[in-house]
C-alpha atoms as a PDB file:
ATOM      1  CA  MET A   1      38.444 195.385 184.097  1.00  0.00           C
ATOM      2  CA  ALA A   2      40.717 192.690 182.768  1.00  0.00           C
ATOM      3  CA  GLY A   3      39.006 189.672 181.349  1.00  0.00           C
ATOM      4  CA  PHE A   4      35.366 190.532 182.107  1.00  0.00           C
ATOM      5  CA  SER A   5      32.681 192.203 180.049  1.00  0.00           C
ATOM      6  CA  GLY A   6      29.554 193.557 181.709  1.00  0.00           C
ATOM      7  CA  ASP A   7      27.563 190.505 180.643  1.00  0.00           C
ATOM      8  CA  SER A   8      30.166 188.081 181.971  1.00  0.00           C
ATOM      9  CA  ILE A   9      30.293 189.892 185.329  1.00  0.00           C
ATOM     10  CA  ASP A  10      26.508 189.656 185.606  1.00  0.00           C
ATOM     11  CA  SER A  11      26.524 185.988 184.735  1.00  0.00           C
ATOM     12  CA  TRP A  12      29.380 185.193 187.156  1.00  0.00           C
ATOM     13  CA  SER A  13      27.792 187.188 189.996  1.00  0.00           C
ATOM     14  CA  GLU A  14      24.448 185.466 189.585  1.00  0.00           C
ATOM     15  CA  LYS A  15      26.096 182.031 189.462  1.00  0.00           C
ATOM     16  CA  LEU A  16      28.178 182.833 192.538  1.00  0.00           C
ATOM     17  CA  LEU A  17      25.128 184.056 194.459  1.00  0.00           C
ATOM     18  CA  ARG A  18      23.242 180.851 193.663  1.00  0.00           C
ATOM     19  CA  ALA A  19      26.211 178.780 194.835  1.00  0.00           C
ATOM     20  CA  SER A  20      26.858 180.808 198.002  1.00  0.00           C
ATOM     21  CA  GLY A  21      24.467 178.917 200.264  1.00  0.00           C
ATOM     22  CA  TYR A  22      22.826 182.189 201.323  1.00  0.00           C
ATOM     23  CA  GLY A  23      19.490 181.175 199.825  1.00  0.00           C
ATOM     24  CA  GLU A  24      19.232 177.908 201.770  1.00  0.00           C
ATOM     25  CA  SER A  25      16.219 177.612 204.058  1.00  0.00           C
ATOM     26  CA  GLY A  26      16.955 179.091 207.484  1.00  0.00           C
ATOM     27  CA  PHE A  27      20.450 180.265 206.549  1.00  0.00           C
ATOM     28  CA  ALA A  28      19.742 184.009 206.740  1.00  0.00           C
ATOM     29  CA  ALA A  29      18.118 183.750 210.184  1.00  0.00           C
ATOM     30  CA  GLY A  30      21.018 181.687 211.543  1.00  0.00           C
ATOM     31  CA  PHE A  31      23.508 184.129 210.032  1.00  0.00           C
ATOM     32  CA  ASP A  32      21.799 187.089 211.698  1.00  0.00           C
ATOM     33  CA  VAL A  33      21.739 185.427 215.115  1.00  0.00           C
ATOM     34  CA  ASN A  34      25.267 184.017 215.155  1.00  0.00           C
ATOM     35  CA  ARG A  35      27.500 186.388 213.211  1.00  0.00           C
ATOM     36  CA  PRO A  36      29.152 189.252 215.123  1.00  0.00           C
ATOM     37  CA  ALA A  37      27.783 192.762 214.758  1.00  0.00           C
ATOM     38  CA  PRO A  38      30.443 195.410 214.081  1.00  0.00           C
ATOM     39  CA  PRO A  39      31.547 197.148 217.303  1.00  0.00           C
ATOM     40  CA  HIS A  40      30.814 200.841 217.786  1.00  0.00           C
ATOM     41  CA  VAL A  41      34.519 201.637 217.678  1.00  0.00           C
ATOM     42  CA  LEU A  42      34.417 200.812 213.971  1.00  0.00           C
ATOM     43  CA  ALA A  43      32.022 203.711 213.377  1.00  0.00           C
ATOM     44  CA  ASP A  44      34.236 205.954 215.529  1.00  0.00           C
ATOM     45  CA  ILE A  45      37.290 205.115 213.417  1.00  0.00           C
ATOM     46  CA  LEU A  46      35.553 205.627 210.076  1.00  0.00           C
ATOM     47  CA  CYS A  47      33.968 208.925 211.134  1.00  0.00           C
ATOM     48  CA  LEU A  48      37.405 210.108 212.246  1.00  0.00           C
ATOM     49  CA  GLU A  49      38.955 209.194 208.889  1.00  0.00           C
ATOM     50  CA  ALA A  50      36.053 210.795 206.983  1.00  0.00           C
ATOM     51  CA  ARG A  51      36.298 213.981 209.106  1.00  0.00           C
ATOM     52  CA  VAL A  52      32.640 213.889 210.036  1.00  0.00           C
ATOM     53  CA  ASP A  53      30.868 213.624 213.398  1.00  0.00           C
ATOM     54  CA  ARG A  54      27.571 212.382 211.997  1.00  0.00           C
ATOM     55  CA  PRO A  55      27.521 211.140 208.387  1.00  0.00           C
ATOM     56  CA  ARG A  56      24.673 212.324 206.217  1.00  0.00           C
ATOM     57  CA  LEU A  57      24.685 209.046 204.313  1.00  0.00           C
ATOM     58  CA  VAL A  58      26.382 205.688 204.845  1.00  0.00           C
ATOM     59  CA  VAL A  59      26.101 203.038 202.124  1.00  0.00           C
ATOM     60  CA  ASP A  60      26.787 199.432 203.134  1.00  0.00           C
ATOM     61  CA  LEU A  61      27.675 197.201 200.164  1.00  0.00           C
ATOM     62  CA  GLY A  62      26.930 193.490 200.505  1.00  0.00           C
ATOM     63  CA  SER A  63      24.858 194.267 203.575  1.00  0.00           C
ATOM     64  CA  GLY A  64      23.625 190.699 204.120  1.00  0.00           C
ATOM     65  CA  THR A  65      21.147 190.509 206.995  1.00  0.00           C
ATOM     66  CA  GLY A  66      21.836 194.105 208.022  1.00  0.00           C
ATOM     67  CA  LEU A  67      24.237 193.484 210.922  1.00  0.00           C
ATOM     68  CA  SER A  68      26.766 195.847 209.336  1.00  0.00           C
ATOM     69  CA  THR A  69      24.065 198.336 208.346  1.00  0.00           C
ATOM     70  CA  ARG A  70      22.194 198.671 211.644  1.00  0.00           C
ATOM     71  CA  VAL A  71      25.384 199.633 213.509  1.00  0.00           C
ATOM     72  CA  TRP A  72      25.004 203.056 211.829  1.00  0.00           C
ATOM     73  CA  ALA A  73      21.356 203.610 212.797  1.00  0.00           C
ATOM     74  CA  ASP A  74      22.201 205.936 215.721  1.00  0.00           C
ATOM     75  CA  ARG A  75      25.285 207.406 214.073  1.00  0.00           C
ATOM     76  CA  ALA A  76      24.110 208.622 210.630  1.00  0.00           C
ATOM     77  CA  ASP A  77      21.195 210.563 209.166  1.00  0.00           C
ATOM     78  CA  GLU A  78      20.531 207.909 206.520  1.00  0.00           C
ATOM     79  CA  VAL A  79      21.856 204.382 205.982  1.00  0.00           C
ATOM     80  CA  VAL A  80      21.345 202.254 202.869  1.00  0.00           C
ATOM     81  CA  GLY A  81      22.197 198.551 202.723  1.00  0.00           C
ATOM     82  CA  VAL A  82      22.826 197.111 199.266  1.00  0.00           C
ATOM     83  CA  GLU A  83      22.336 193.341 198.985  1.00  0.00           C
ATOM     84  CA  PRO A  84      21.720 191.106 195.930  1.00  0.00           C
ATOM     85  CA  SER A  85      20.355 188.076 197.814  1.00  0.00           C
ATOM     86  CA  PRO A  86      16.570 188.329 198.271  1.00  0.00           C
ATOM     87  CA  GLU A  87      16.645 185.991 201.281  1.00  0.00           C
ATOM     88  CA  MET A  88      19.345 187.977 203.079  1.00  0.00           C
ATOM     89  CA  ARG A  89      17.677 191.307 202.295  1.00  0.00           C
ATOM     90  CA  GLU A  90      14.298 190.056 203.532  1.00  0.00           C
ATOM     91  CA  GLN A  91      15.896 188.991 206.815  1.00  0.00           C
ATOM     92  CA  ALA A  92      17.553 192.421 207.071  1.00  0.00           C
ATOM     93  CA  GLU A  93      14.250 194.202 206.611  1.00  0.00           C
ATOM     94  CA  ALA A  94      12.499 191.967 209.146  1.00  0.00           C
ATOM     95  CA  ALA A  95      15.220 192.565 211.753  1.00  0.00           C
ATOM     96  CA  THR A  96      15.492 196.348 211.265  1.00  0.00           C
ATOM     97  CA  SER A  97      13.145 198.826 212.926  1.00  0.00           C
ATOM     98  CA  ALA A  98      15.118 202.077 212.588  1.00  0.00           C
ATOM     99  CA  GLY A  99      13.349 204.473 210.243  1.00  0.00           C
ATOM    100  CA  ASN A 100      16.565 205.909 208.801  1.00  0.00           C
ATOM    101  CA  VAL A 101      17.849 202.490 207.636  1.00  0.00           C
ATOM    102  CA  HIS A 102      16.601 200.865 204.468  1.00  0.00           C
ATOM    103  CA  PHE A 103      17.732 198.260 201.967  1.00  0.00           C
ATOM    104  CA  VAL A 104      17.879 197.903 198.200  1.00  0.00           C
ATOM    105  CA  GLN A 105      18.327 194.723 196.197  1.00  0.00           C
ATOM    106  CA  ALA A 106      21.293 195.306 193.883  1.00  0.00           C
ATOM    107  CA  TYR A 107      24.874 194.279 193.244  1.00  0.00           C
ATOM    108  CA  ALA A 108      27.633 196.431 194.753  1.00  0.00           C
ATOM    109  CA  ARG A 109      28.918 197.483 191.342  1.00  0.00           C
ATOM    110  CA  ALA A 110      25.562 199.018 190.303  1.00  0.00           C
ATOM    111  CA  THR A 111      23.629 200.343 193.286  1.00  0.00           C
ATOM    112  CA  GLY A 112      21.466 202.884 191.454  1.00  0.00           C
ATOM    113  CA  LEU A 113      22.151 205.414 194.227  1.00  0.00           C
ATOM    114  CA  PRO A 114      23.062 209.060 193.439  1.00  0.00           C
ATOM    115  CA  ASP A 115      26.574 210.403 192.857  1.00  0.00           C
ATOM    116  CA  GLY A 116      28.709 212.013 195.533  1.00  0.00           C
ATOM    117  CA  GLU A 117      26.292 211.976 198.473  1.00  0.00           C
ATOM    118  CA  ALA A 118      27.845 209.383 200.786  1.00  0.00           C
ATOM    119  CA  ASP A 119      30.309 210.262 203.521  1.00  0.00           C
ATOM    120  CA  ILE A 120      31.187 206.603 204.102  1.00  0.00           C
ATOM    121  CA  VAL A 121      30.811 203.450 201.999  1.00  0.00           C
ATOM    122  CA  THR A 122      31.414 200.162 203.815  1.00  0.00           C
ATOM    123  CA  CYS A 123      31.806 196.555 202.763  1.00  0.00           C
ATOM    124  CA  SER A 124      31.738 194.116 205.679  1.00  0.00           C
ATOM    125  CA  GLN A 125      33.091 190.574 205.244  1.00  0.00           C
ATOM    126  CA  ALA A 126      31.956 190.720 201.614  1.00  0.00           C
ATOM    127  CA  LEU A 127      34.540 192.254 199.268  1.00  0.00           C
ATOM    128  CA  HIS A 128      36.070 188.847 198.517  1.00  0.00           C
ATOM    129  CA  TRP A 129      32.747 187.915 196.862  1.00  0.00           C
ATOM    130  CA  MET A 130      32.903 190.928 194.505  1.00  0.00           C
ATOM    131  CA  GLU A 131      34.763 191.914 191.367  1.00  0.00           C
ATOM    132  CA  PRO A 132      37.059 194.595 192.827  1.00  0.00           C
ATOM    133  CA  GLU A 133      37.445 197.135 190.027  1.00  0.00           C
ATOM    134  CA  PRO A 134      33.754 197.848 189.356  1.00  0.00           C
ATOM    135  CA  THR A 135      33.050 197.757 193.096  1.00  0.00           C
ATOM    136  CA  PHE A 136      35.753 200.367 193.771  1.00  0.00           C
ATOM    137  CA  ALA A 137      34.474 202.493 190.876  1.00  0.00           C
ATOM    138  CA  GLU A 138      30.948 202.424 192.286  1.00  0.00           C
ATOM    139  CA  ALA A 139      32.152 203.242 195.807  1.00  0.00           C
ATOM    140  CA  ALA A 140      34.166 206.187 194.466  1.00  0.00           C
ATOM    141  CA  ARG A 141      31.146 207.402 192.492  1.00  0.00           C
ATOM    142  CA  LEU A 142      28.943 207.311 195.599  1.00  0.00           C
ATOM    143  CA  LEU A 143      31.411 209.162 197.851  1.00  0.00           C
ATOM    144  CA  ARG A 144      31.826 212.909 198.182  1.00  0.00           C
ATOM    145  CA  ARG A 145      35.405 214.136 197.982  1.00  0.00           C
ATOM    146  CA  GLY A 146      37.123 213.217 201.240  1.00  0.00           C
ATOM    147  CA  GLY A 147      34.661 210.415 201.915  1.00  0.00           C
ATOM    148  CA  VAL A 148      35.911 206.996 202.959  1.00  0.00           C
ATOM    149  CA  PHE A 149      35.510 203.543 201.444  1.00  0.00           C
ATOM    150  CA  ALA A 150      36.156 200.828 204.048  1.00  0.00           C
ATOM    151  CA  ALA A 151      36.285 197.101 203.403  1.00  0.00           C
ATOM    152  CA  TYR A 152      36.543 195.341 206.748  1.00  0.00           C
ATOM    153  CA  ASP A 153      36.707 191.720 207.857  1.00  0.00           C
ATOM    154  CA  TYR A 154      37.024 189.800 211.094  1.00  0.00           C
ATOM    155  CA  ASP A 155      39.426 186.919 211.493  1.00  0.00           C
ATOM    156  CA  TRP A 156      38.189 183.352 211.936  1.00  0.00           C
ATOM    157  CA  PRO A 157      38.187 181.617 214.320  1.00  0.00           C
ATOM    158  CA  PRO A 158      37.040 183.771 217.251  1.00  0.00           C
ATOM    159  CA  ILE A 159      39.489 183.888 220.157  1.00  0.00           C
ATOM    160  CA  VAL A 160      37.939 181.831 222.952  1.00  0.00           C
ATOM    161  CA  ASP A 161      40.116 178.834 223.901  1.00  0.00           C
ATOM    162  CA  TRP A 162      42.952 177.137 222.042  1.00  0.00           C
ATOM    163  CA  GLU A 163      41.172 173.769 221.840  1.00  0.00           C
ATOM    164  CA  VAL A 164      37.992 175.291 220.410  1.00  0.00           C
ATOM    165  CA  GLU A 165      40.030 177.470 218.050  1.00  0.00           C
ATOM    166  CA  ALA A 166      41.948 174.441 216.752  1.00  0.00           C
ATOM    167  CA  ALA A 167      38.689 172.578 216.074  1.00  0.00           C
ATOM    168  CA  PHE A 168      37.234 175.636 214.302  1.00  0.00           C
ATOM    169  CA  GLU A 169      40.374 175.966 212.172  1.00  0.00           C
ATOM    170  CA  GLU A 170      40.018 172.317 211.162  1.00  0.00           C
ATOM    171  CA  VAL A 171      36.470 173.028 209.973  1.00  0.00           C
ATOM    172  CA  LEU A 172      37.819 175.920 207.878  1.00  0.00           C
ATOM    173  CA  ARG A 173      40.538 173.680 206.423  1.00  0.00           C
ATOM    174  CA  ARG A 174      38.018 171.004 205.437  1.00  0.00           C
ATOM    175  CA  VAL A 175      35.679 173.565 203.891  1.00  0.00           C
ATOM    176  CA  ARG A 176      38.540 174.953 201.788  1.00  0.00           C
ATOM    177  CA  ALA A 177      39.490 171.436 200.716  1.00  0.00           C
ATOM    178  CA  GLY A 178      35.889 170.629 199.766  1.00  0.00           C
ATOM    179  CA  ARG A 179      35.245 173.654 197.574  1.00  0.00           C
ATOM    180  CA  ALA A 180      34.626 173.266 193.867  1.00  0.00           C
ATOM    181  CA  PRO A 181      37.858 173.076 191.833  1.00  0.00           C
ATOM    182  CA  ASP A 182      37.313 176.444 190.110  1.00  0.00           C
ATOM    183  CA  GLY A 183      37.571 178.215 193.475  1.00  0.00           C
ATOM    184  CA  ARG A 184      35.854 181.329 192.132  1.00  0.00           C
ATOM    185  CA  GLY A 185      33.889 181.891 195.344  1.00  0.00           C
ATOM    186  CA  MET A 186      37.053 183.106 197.083  1.00  0.00           C
ATOM    187  CA  ARG A 187      39.069 184.259 194.098  1.00  0.00           C
ATOM    188  CA  TYR A 188      39.884 187.607 195.661  1.00  0.00           C
ATOM    189  CA  ALA A 189      41.839 186.865 198.843  1.00  0.00           C
ATOM    190  CA  LYS A 190      41.227 189.308 201.672  1.00  0.00           C
ATOM    191  CA  GLU A 191      44.975 189.772 202.117  1.00  0.00           C
ATOM    192  CA  GLY A 192      45.041 191.583 198.758  1.00  0.00           C
ATOM    193  CA  HIS A 193      42.246 194.084 199.453  1.00  0.00           C
ATOM    194  CA  LEU A 194      44.544 196.981 200.393  1.00  0.00           C
ATOM    195  CA  GLU A 195      46.833 196.478 197.420  1.00  0.00           C
ATOM    196  CA  ARG A 196      43.845 196.419 195.062  1.00  0.00           C
ATOM    197  CA  ILE A 197      42.372 199.580 196.634  1.00  0.00           C
ATOM    198  CA  GLU A 198      45.708 201.348 196.118  1.00  0.00           C
ATOM    199  CA  ALA A 199      46.093 200.025 192.575  1.00  0.00           C
ATOM    200  CA  SER A 200      42.635 201.244 191.559  1.00  0.00           C
ATOM    201  CA  GLY A 201      43.880 204.857 191.416  1.00  0.00           C
ATOM    202  CA  LEU A 202      40.514 206.049 192.741  1.00  0.00           C
ATOM    203  CA  PHE A 203      41.586 206.965 196.266  1.00  0.00           C
ATOM    204  CA  ARG A 204      44.038 209.624 197.485  1.00  0.00           C
ATOM    205  CA  TYR A 205      45.121 207.658 200.527  1.00  0.00           C
ATOM    206  CA  ALA A 206      44.838 204.023 201.571  1.00  0.00           C
ATOM    207  CA  ARG A 207      45.803 202.119 204.691  1.00  0.00           C
ATOM    208  CA  GLU A 208      45.000 199.135 206.913  1.00  0.00           C
ATOM    209  CA  ILE A 209      43.724 199.548 210.489  1.00  0.00           C
ATOM    210  CA  VAL A 210      43.645 196.652 212.958  1.00  0.00           C
ATOM    211  CA  PHE A 211      41.558 196.486 216.134  1.00  0.00           C
ATOM    212  CA  ASN A 212      39.592 193.960 218.172  1.00  0.00           C
ATOM    213  CA  SER A 213      36.170 193.599 219.722  1.00  0.00           C
ATOM    214  CA  ARG A 214      34.727 191.680 222.682  1.00  0.00           C
ATOM    215  CA  GLU A 215      31.552 189.634 222.560  1.00  0.00           C
ATOM    216  CA  ARG A 216      29.994 186.818 224.551  1.00  0.00           C
ATOM    217  CA  ALA A 217      29.088 183.385 223.210  1.00  0.00           C
ATOM    218  CA  ASP A 218      28.023 179.983 224.448  1.00  0.00           C
ATOM    219  CA  ALA A 219      28.906 176.710 222.747  1.00  0.00           C
ATOM    220  CA  ALA A 220      25.836 176.812 220.500  1.00  0.00           C
ATOM    221  CA  ARG A 221      26.732 180.240 219.130  1.00  0.00           C
ATOM    222  CA  ILE A 222      30.335 179.247 218.450  1.00  0.00           C
ATOM    223  CA  VAL A 223      29.093 176.286 216.399  1.00  0.00           C
ATOM    224  CA  GLY A 224      26.504 178.620 214.831  1.00  0.00           C
ATOM    225  CA  MET A 225      29.319 180.887 213.652  1.00  0.00           C
ATOM    226  CA  ALA A 226      30.793 177.957 211.749  1.00  0.00           C
ATOM    227  CA  LEU A 227      27.374 177.067 210.345  1.00  0.00           C
ATOM    228  CA  SER A 228      27.014 180.674 209.113  1.00  0.00           C
ATOM    229  CA  LEU A 229      29.731 180.016 206.529  1.00  0.00           C
ATOM    230  CA  GLY A 230      28.019 179.778 203.141  1.00  0.00           C
ATOM    231  CA  PRO A 231      30.475 177.269 201.582  1.00  0.00           C
ATOM    232  CA  LEU A 232      30.006 174.948 204.576  1.00  0.00           C
ATOM    233  CA  THR A 233      26.244 175.083 204.098  1.00  0.00           C
ATOM    234  CA  VAL A 234      26.675 174.166 200.436  1.00  0.00           C
ATOM    235  CA  LEU A 235      28.832 171.160 201.349  1.00  0.00           C
ATOM    236  CA  LEU A 236      26.264 169.964 203.896  1.00  0.00           C
ATOM    237  CA  THR A 237      23.467 170.385 201.353  1.00  0.00           C
ATOM    238  CA  ASN A 238      25.493 168.394 198.828  1.00  0.00           C
ATOM    239  CA  GLY A 239      25.765 165.437 201.192  1.00  0.00           C
ATOM    240  CA  LYS A 240      28.871 165.951 203.307  1.00  0.00           C
ATOM    241  CA  SER A 241      28.334 164.924 206.927  1.00  0.00           C
ATOM    242  CA  GLU A 242      29.087 167.004 210.022  1.00  0.00           C
ATOM    243  CA  ASP A 243      31.725 164.424 210.954  1.00  0.00           C
ATOM    244  CA  GLU A 244      33.440 164.807 207.583  1.00  0.00           C
ATOM    245  CA  LEU A 245      33.495 168.591 207.892  1.00  0.00           C
ATOM    246  CA  GLY A 246      34.772 168.637 211.479  1.00  0.00           C
ATOM    247  CA  LEU A 247      31.579 170.098 212.936  1.00  0.00           C
ATOM    248  CA  THR A 248      31.058 167.217 215.334  1.00  0.00           C
ATOM    249  CA  ALA A 249      34.535 167.722 216.796  1.00  0.00           C
ATOM    250  CA  LEU A 250      33.982 171.491 217.036  1.00  0.00           C
ATOM    251  CA  ARG A 251      30.657 170.992 218.817  1.00  0.00           C
ATOM    252  CA  GLU A 252      32.220 168.555 221.286  1.00  0.00           C
ATOM    253  CA  ALA A 253      35.127 170.909 222.020  1.00  0.00           C
ATOM    254  CA  ALA A 254      32.854 173.935 222.457  1.00  0.00           C
ATOM    255  CA  GLU A 255      30.469 172.061 224.753  1.00  0.00           C
ATOM    256  CA  ARG A 256      33.342 170.661 226.813  1.00  0.00           C
ATOM    257  CA  VAL A 257      35.148 173.990 227.228  1.00  0.00           C
ATOM    258  CA  VAL A 258      32.349 176.584 227.134  1.00  0.00           C
ATOM    259  CA  GLY A 259      29.101 174.676 227.599  1.00  0.00           C
ATOM    260  CA  ASP A 260      25.829 176.527 228.189  1.00  0.00           C
ATOM    261  CA  SER A 261      27.457 179.440 229.991  1.00  0.00           C
ATOM    262  CA  GLU A 262      28.541 182.463 228.006  1.00  0.00           C
ATOM    263  CA  ALA A 263      32.273 182.995 227.628  1.00  0.00           C
ATOM    264  CA  GLU A 264      33.981 186.216 226.618  1.00  0.00           C
ATOM    265  CA  ILE A 265      35.356 185.949 223.103  1.00  0.00           C
ATOM    266  CA  PHE A 266      37.488 188.301 221.048  1.00  0.00           C
ATOM    267  CA  LEU A 267      37.430 189.002 217.328  1.00  0.00           C
ATOM    268  CA  GLY A 268      40.261 190.598 215.405  1.00  0.00           C
ATOM    269  CA  TYR A 269      39.134 193.126 212.762  1.00  0.00           C
ATOM    270  CA  ARG A 270      41.029 194.490 209.757  1.00  0.00           C
ATOM    271  CA  ILE A 271      39.874 197.600 207.914  1.00  0.00           C
ATOM    272  CA  ARG A 272      41.303 198.335 204.482  1.00  0.00           C
ATOM    273  CA  LEU A 273      40.238 201.833 203.581  1.00  0.00           C
ATOM    274  CA  GLY A 274      40.625 204.414 200.862  1.00  0.00           C
ATOM    275  CA  VAL A 275      39.962 208.167 201.068  1.00  0.00           C
ATOM    276  CA  ARG A 276      38.240 209.556 197.974  1.00  0.00           C
END
């Protein structure tokens, strides 16, 4: 891996985790309530690509509060979420009752799980936080031949109403502008995931799959989605106001357009996958 020794990866990962905002009081609970859960069609697609009706083992890297892990509870024999943040993992364990789903505290590049037993390895809205090469190597090690690694993300903002979307996009713009100058938290742009999977040489076939999901949300949840962004939480903790970050304008737009009633919203998903 160009430019990083094992020690430097460890040090960078730990620093990034501390700066992510995920450890802030109440963040994990708000994340779990407001973030979208992957739709069941995602599992259908990945099982199809992995040529399996019911996976024996699914490993979810960067599993956060378990939203992306629990979707497999009824679809797989065993599901393991891998998450380095103690606060996020504790929330995942508290919110998960399925006996075949459990969580380990580890980084995605060194899970400690056995070789070649996973049918599917997923990484939901998290690969941009990880060093790609060691993460791909670990995913390939975990997968049986023909198994599938899938990094998937949803597009911000959710599709709900143009005025709300414009206000949400302004929040995103201000968060990007307010990040620390080194920019390491988002060094690996999502747009490059597929190219990096292909370039790794670890997968026989790679492609991108695009689909959408439907959910329902009121104004409070739409604002909660914005507040579930770690970098925004860091900026608020460091003294930026909601006005400065565009949250006040987003809240006003969401309350004016959506209010307390639940509106149907859409989320666009992008899967970048590799077949082992």
